[in-house]
């Protein structure tokens, strides 16, 4: 970077430095911050649309059916055994498949 600053001359070196900083900040925003915010919005919309009877995949890899929903927890029923009901946080759900209408 020192070579680029000396090649630009003394008058424009401050301008070149500011341009590099702006480019780096823009790169970081578009490659890291913006995609993360879009993913957070997608997950928030998915969890807000969660309903009783939906089939879910948890972050640990278990498939289950939602049987009760509270503010920040859900009770999920796993497998064919109707006694296997586990309360968990909504944030532990990674995918939701809506219940069929039929």
N, C-alpha and C. Protein backbone atom coordinates (compact mmCIF):
# COMPACT_ATOMS: atom_id res chain seq x y z
N UNK A 1 0.83 -1.18 0.00
CA UNK A 1 0.00 0.00 0.00
C UNK A 1 0.88 1.24 0.00
N UNK A 2 2.07 1.14 0.57
CA UNK A 2 2.99 2.26 0.60
C UNK A 2 3.43 2.65 -0.80
N UNK A 3 3.57 1.67 -1.69
CA UNK A 3 3.96 1.94 -3.08
C UNK A 3 2.86 2.73 -3.77
N UNK A 4 1.60 2.36 -3.52
CA UNK A 4 0.50 3.06 -4.15
C UNK A 4 0.40 4.49 -3.65
N UNK A 5 0.67 4.70 -2.37
CA UNK A 5 0.59 6.04 -1.82
C UNK A 5 1.71 6.93 -2.36
N UNK A 6 2.91 6.38 -2.53
CA UNK A 6 4.00 7.20 -3.06
C UNK A 6 3.81 7.46 -4.55
N UNK A 7 3.18 6.52 -5.25
CA UNK A 7 2.94 6.72 -6.68
C UNK A 7 1.89 7.79 -6.91
N UNK A 8 0.97 7.95 -5.98
CA UNK A 8 -0.09 8.93 -6.16
C UNK A 8 0.39 10.35 -5.89
N UNK A 9 1.47 10.50 -5.22
CA UNK A 9 1.97 11.83 -4.91
C UNK A 9 1.52 12.28 -3.54
N UNK A 10 2.11 13.34 -3.07
CA UNK A 10 1.81 13.81 -1.73
C UNK A 10 0.44 14.49 -1.64
N UNK A 11 0.02 15.17 -2.70
CA UNK A 11 -1.25 15.90 -2.64
C UNK A 11 -2.45 14.96 -2.59
N UNK A 12 -2.39 13.86 -3.29
CA UNK A 12 -3.54 12.95 -3.40
C UNK A 12 -3.46 11.75 -2.46
N UNK A 13 -2.42 11.66 -1.65
CA UNK A 13 -2.26 10.47 -0.82
C UNK A 13 -3.38 10.33 0.21
N UNK A 14 -3.83 11.42 0.76
CA UNK A 14 -4.95 11.37 1.70
C UNK A 14 -6.23 10.92 1.02
N UNK A 15 -6.45 11.39 -0.20
CA UNK A 15 -7.63 11.01 -0.96
C UNK A 15 -7.61 9.52 -1.32
N UNK A 16 -6.46 9.02 -1.67
CA UNK A 16 -6.32 7.61 -2.02
C UNK A 16 -6.57 6.75 -0.79
N UNK A 17 -6.06 7.17 0.36
CA UNK A 17 -6.25 6.43 1.60
C UNK A 17 -7.74 6.39 1.98
N UNK A 18 -8.42 7.50 1.86
CA UNK A 18 -9.86 7.54 2.15
C UNK A 18 -10.62 6.64 1.17
N UNK A 19 -10.24 6.65 -0.08
CA UNK A 19 -10.90 5.80 -1.08
C UNK A 19 -10.71 4.32 -0.73
N UNK A 20 -9.51 3.93 -0.29
CA UNK A 20 -9.27 2.54 0.10
C UNK A 20 -10.12 2.15 1.31
N UNK A 21 -10.20 3.02 2.27
CA UNK A 21 -11.00 2.73 3.47
C UNK A 21 -12.47 2.58 3.10
N UNK A 22 -12.97 3.46 2.25
CA UNK A 22 -14.37 3.37 1.81
C UNK A 22 -14.61 2.07 1.05
N UNK A 23 -13.69 1.68 0.19
CA UNK A 23 -13.85 0.43 -0.55
C UNK A 23 -13.84 -0.79 0.39
N UNK A 24 -12.97 -0.78 1.36
CA UNK A 24 -12.90 -1.90 2.30
C UNK A 24 -14.18 -1.99 3.13
N UNK A 25 -14.68 -0.86 3.62
CA UNK A 25 -15.91 -0.85 4.41
C UNK A 25 -17.09 -1.32 3.55
N UNK A 26 -17.16 -0.87 2.32
CA UNK A 26 -18.25 -1.30 1.42
C UNK A 26 -18.16 -2.80 1.15
N UNK A 27 -16.95 -3.31 0.95
CA UNK A 27 -16.76 -4.74 0.73
C UNK A 27 -17.23 -5.55 1.93
N UNK A 28 -16.84 -5.12 3.12
CA UNK A 28 -17.24 -5.82 4.34
C UNK A 28 -18.76 -5.79 4.50
N UNK A 29 -19.37 -4.65 4.23
CA UNK A 29 -20.83 -4.54 4.37
C UNK A 29 -21.54 -5.50 3.42
N UNK A 30 -21.16 -5.49 2.14
CA UNK A 30 -21.89 -6.29 1.15
C UNK A 30 -21.55 -7.78 1.22
N UNK A 31 -20.41 -8.15 1.78
CA UNK A 31 -20.05 -9.56 1.84
C UNK A 31 -20.34 -10.21 3.19
N UNK A 32 -20.48 -9.42 4.26
CA UNK A 32 -20.65 -10.01 5.57
C UNK A 32 -21.92 -9.54 6.29
N UNK A 33 -22.13 -8.27 6.40
CA UNK A 33 -23.21 -7.74 7.22
C UNK A 33 -24.56 -7.90 6.54
N UNK A 34 -24.66 -7.53 5.28
CA UNK A 34 -25.93 -7.57 4.57
C UNK A 34 -26.49 -8.99 4.45
N UNK A 35 -25.72 -10.00 4.06
CA UNK A 35 -26.28 -11.36 4.01
C UNK A 35 -26.72 -11.87 5.38
N UNK A 36 -26.00 -11.50 6.43
CA UNK A 36 -26.38 -11.94 7.77
C UNK A 36 -27.72 -11.33 8.18
N UNK A 37 -27.95 -10.07 7.87
CA UNK A 37 -29.23 -9.43 8.19
C UNK A 37 -30.38 -10.06 7.40
N UNK A 38 -30.13 -10.39 6.13
CA UNK A 38 -31.17 -11.03 5.32
C UNK A 38 -31.53 -12.39 5.90
N UNK A 39 -30.54 -13.14 6.36
CA UNK A 39 -30.79 -14.45 6.96
C UNK A 39 -31.55 -14.31 8.27
N UNK A 40 -31.22 -13.31 9.08
CA UNK A 40 -31.94 -13.08 10.32
C UNK A 40 -33.41 -12.73 10.06
N UNK A 41 -33.68 -11.95 9.03
CA UNK A 41 -35.06 -11.61 8.68
C UNK A 41 -35.81 -12.84 8.21
N UNK A 42 -35.16 -13.70 7.42
CA UNK A 42 -35.80 -14.92 6.93
C UNK A 42 -36.16 -15.86 8.08
N UNK A 43 -35.23 -16.04 9.01
CA UNK A 43 -35.47 -16.92 10.16
C UNK A 43 -36.57 -16.33 11.05
N UNK A 44 -36.56 -15.02 11.25
CA UNK A 44 -37.60 -14.39 12.05
C UNK A 44 -38.98 -14.55 11.44
N UNK A 45 -39.08 -14.40 10.12
CA UNK A 45 -40.36 -14.58 9.44
C UNK A 45 -40.82 -16.04 9.51
N UNK A 46 -39.87 -16.97 9.39
CA UNK A 46 -40.21 -18.39 9.47
C UNK A 46 -40.75 -18.73 10.86
N UNK A 47 -40.10 -18.23 11.90
CA UNK A 47 -40.52 -18.55 13.26
C UNK A 47 -41.83 -17.84 13.64
N UNK A 48 -42.06 -16.66 13.09
CA UNK A 48 -43.32 -15.97 13.40
C UNK A 48 -44.51 -16.62 12.71
N UNK A 49 -44.27 -17.33 11.61
CA UNK A 49 -45.34 -18.01 10.89
C UNK A 49 -45.53 -19.45 11.37
N UNK A 50 -44.80 -19.85 12.39
CA UNK A 50 -44.89 -21.20 12.92
C UNK A 50 -46.27 -21.44 13.53
N UNK A 51 -46.88 -22.57 13.21
CA UNK A 51 -48.22 -22.89 13.71
C UNK A 51 -48.25 -24.32 14.23
N UNK A 52 -49.26 -24.61 15.03
CA UNK A 52 -49.44 -25.95 15.57
C UNK A 52 -49.73 -26.90 14.41
N UNK A 53 -49.07 -28.05 14.41
CA UNK A 53 -49.24 -29.03 13.36
C UNK A 53 -48.17 -28.99 12.29
N UNK A 54 -47.31 -27.97 12.31
CA UNK A 54 -46.24 -27.87 11.32
C UNK A 54 -45.16 -28.90 11.62
N UNK A 55 -44.57 -29.42 10.57
CA UNK A 55 -43.44 -30.33 10.69
C UNK A 55 -42.17 -29.50 10.72
N UNK A 56 -41.29 -29.77 11.71
CA UNK A 56 -40.09 -28.96 11.87
C UNK A 56 -38.85 -29.84 11.89
N UNK A 57 -37.73 -29.24 11.52
CA UNK A 57 -36.42 -29.86 11.65
C UNK A 57 -35.64 -29.02 12.64
N UNK A 58 -35.11 -29.65 13.68
CA UNK A 58 -34.37 -28.91 14.69
C UNK A 58 -32.91 -28.79 14.27
N UNK A 59 -32.18 -27.93 14.96
CA UNK A 59 -30.78 -27.75 14.65
C UNK A 59 -29.96 -28.99 14.96
N UNK A 60 -30.48 -29.87 15.81
CA UNK A 60 -29.77 -31.11 16.13
C UNK A 60 -30.11 -32.24 15.15
N UNK A 61 -31.02 -32.00 14.21
CA UNK A 61 -31.31 -32.96 13.16
C UNK A 61 -32.54 -33.82 13.40
N UNK A 62 -33.36 -33.49 14.38
CA UNK A 62 -34.56 -34.26 14.67
C UNK A 62 -35.76 -33.65 13.94
N UNK A 63 -36.60 -34.54 13.38
CA UNK A 63 -37.85 -34.12 12.77
C UNK A 63 -38.97 -34.33 13.77
N UNK A 64 -39.91 -33.37 13.82
CA UNK A 64 -41.02 -33.50 14.75
C UNK A 64 -42.19 -32.64 14.32
N UNK A 65 -43.27 -32.74 15.10
CA UNK A 65 -44.50 -31.99 14.84
C UNK A 65 -44.73 -31.05 16.02
N UNK A 66 -45.03 -29.79 15.72
CA UNK A 66 -45.29 -28.80 16.76
C UNK A 66 -46.68 -29.06 17.34
N UNK A 67 -46.75 -29.18 18.69
CA UNK A 67 -48.05 -29.42 19.31
C UNK A 67 -48.48 -28.28 20.22
N UNK A 68 -47.55 -27.39 20.60
CA UNK A 68 -47.91 -26.23 21.42
C UNK A 68 -46.86 -25.15 21.22
N UNK A 69 -47.31 -23.88 21.25
CA UNK A 69 -46.42 -22.74 21.04
C UNK A 69 -46.67 -21.73 22.15
N UNK A 70 -45.59 -21.25 22.77
CA UNK A 70 -45.68 -20.12 23.70
C UNK A 70 -44.81 -19.01 23.13
N UNK A 71 -44.48 -18.01 23.95
CA UNK A 71 -43.73 -16.85 23.45
C UNK A 71 -42.40 -17.24 22.81
N UNK A 72 -41.54 -17.93 23.56
CA UNK A 72 -40.22 -18.25 23.02
C UNK A 72 -39.92 -19.74 23.05
N UNK A 73 -40.89 -20.57 23.41
CA UNK A 73 -40.68 -22.01 23.40
C UNK A 73 -41.78 -22.71 22.62
N UNK A 74 -41.47 -23.90 22.16
CA UNK A 74 -42.43 -24.76 21.48
C UNK A 74 -42.32 -26.16 22.07
N UNK A 75 -43.39 -26.91 22.02
CA UNK A 75 -43.34 -28.31 22.42
C UNK A 75 -43.47 -29.12 21.14
N UNK A 76 -42.47 -29.97 20.92
CA UNK A 76 -42.39 -30.74 19.69
C UNK A 76 -42.53 -32.22 20.03
N UNK A 77 -43.32 -32.91 19.22
CA UNK A 77 -43.54 -34.35 19.39
C UNK A 77 -42.70 -35.08 18.35
N UNK A 78 -41.88 -36.01 18.82
CA UNK A 78 -40.95 -36.72 17.95
C UNK A 78 -41.37 -38.16 17.75
N UNK A 79 -41.25 -38.65 16.52
CA UNK A 79 -41.45 -40.06 16.21
C UNK A 79 -42.90 -40.51 16.34
N UNK A 80 -43.07 -41.83 16.31
CA UNK A 80 -44.40 -42.44 16.40
C UNK A 80 -44.89 -42.52 17.82
N UNK A 81 -43.98 -42.44 18.78
CA UNK A 81 -44.35 -42.52 20.18
C UNK A 81 -44.96 -41.19 20.60
N UNK A 82 -46.23 -41.20 20.95
CA UNK A 82 -46.93 -39.96 21.30
C UNK A 82 -46.50 -39.41 22.66
N UNK A 83 -45.70 -40.17 23.41
CA UNK A 83 -45.23 -39.71 24.72
C UNK A 83 -43.91 -38.97 24.65
N UNK A 84 -43.33 -38.87 23.49
CA UNK A 84 -42.04 -38.20 23.34
C UNK A 84 -42.27 -36.75 22.94
N UNK A 85 -42.56 -35.93 23.92
CA UNK A 85 -42.82 -34.50 23.69
C UNK A 85 -41.75 -33.71 24.43
N UNK A 86 -41.06 -32.85 23.70
CA UNK A 86 -39.93 -32.13 24.28
C UNK A 86 -40.14 -30.63 24.09
N UNK A 87 -40.09 -29.85 25.18
CA UNK A 87 -40.12 -28.39 25.03
C UNK A 87 -38.74 -27.90 24.59
N UNK A 88 -38.73 -26.96 23.68
CA UNK A 88 -37.46 -26.39 23.20
C UNK A 88 -37.66 -24.94 22.79
N UNK A 89 -36.56 -24.23 22.66
CA UNK A 89 -36.62 -22.84 22.23
C UNK A 89 -36.96 -22.77 20.75
N UNK A 90 -37.62 -21.69 20.38
CA UNK A 90 -37.94 -21.50 18.96
C UNK A 90 -36.68 -21.39 18.11
N UNK A 91 -35.61 -20.85 18.68
CA UNK A 91 -34.38 -20.67 17.93
C UNK A 91 -33.71 -21.99 17.57
N UNK A 92 -34.16 -23.11 18.18
CA UNK A 92 -33.59 -24.42 17.86
C UNK A 92 -34.22 -25.01 16.60
N UNK A 93 -35.16 -24.32 15.99
CA UNK A 93 -35.81 -24.82 14.77
C UNK A 93 -35.09 -24.23 13.57
N UNK A 94 -34.67 -25.11 12.66
CA UNK A 94 -33.94 -24.64 11.49
C UNK A 94 -34.78 -24.64 10.21
N UNK A 95 -35.78 -25.51 10.12
CA UNK A 95 -36.66 -25.54 8.95
C UNK A 95 -38.08 -25.83 9.38
N UNK A 96 -39.03 -25.29 8.62
CA UNK A 96 -40.44 -25.52 8.90
C UNK A 96 -41.12 -25.94 7.61
N UNK A 97 -41.93 -27.01 7.71
CA UNK A 97 -42.75 -27.43 6.57
C UNK A 97 -44.20 -27.34 7.04
N UNK A 98 -44.96 -26.53 6.37
CA UNK A 98 -46.36 -26.31 6.77
C UNK A 98 -47.17 -27.58 6.65
N UNK A 99 -48.15 -27.71 7.54
CA UNK A 99 -49.05 -28.85 7.53
C UNK A 99 -49.89 -28.81 6.26
N UNK A 100 -50.14 -29.96 5.67
CA UNK A 100 -50.94 -29.99 4.45
C UNK A 100 -52.39 -29.68 4.76
N UNK A 101 -53.11 -29.12 3.80
CA UNK A 101 -54.49 -28.69 3.98
C UNK A 101 -55.48 -29.84 3.91
N UNK A 102 -55.05 -30.99 3.38
CA UNK A 102 -55.99 -32.11 3.18
C UNK A 102 -56.25 -32.90 4.43
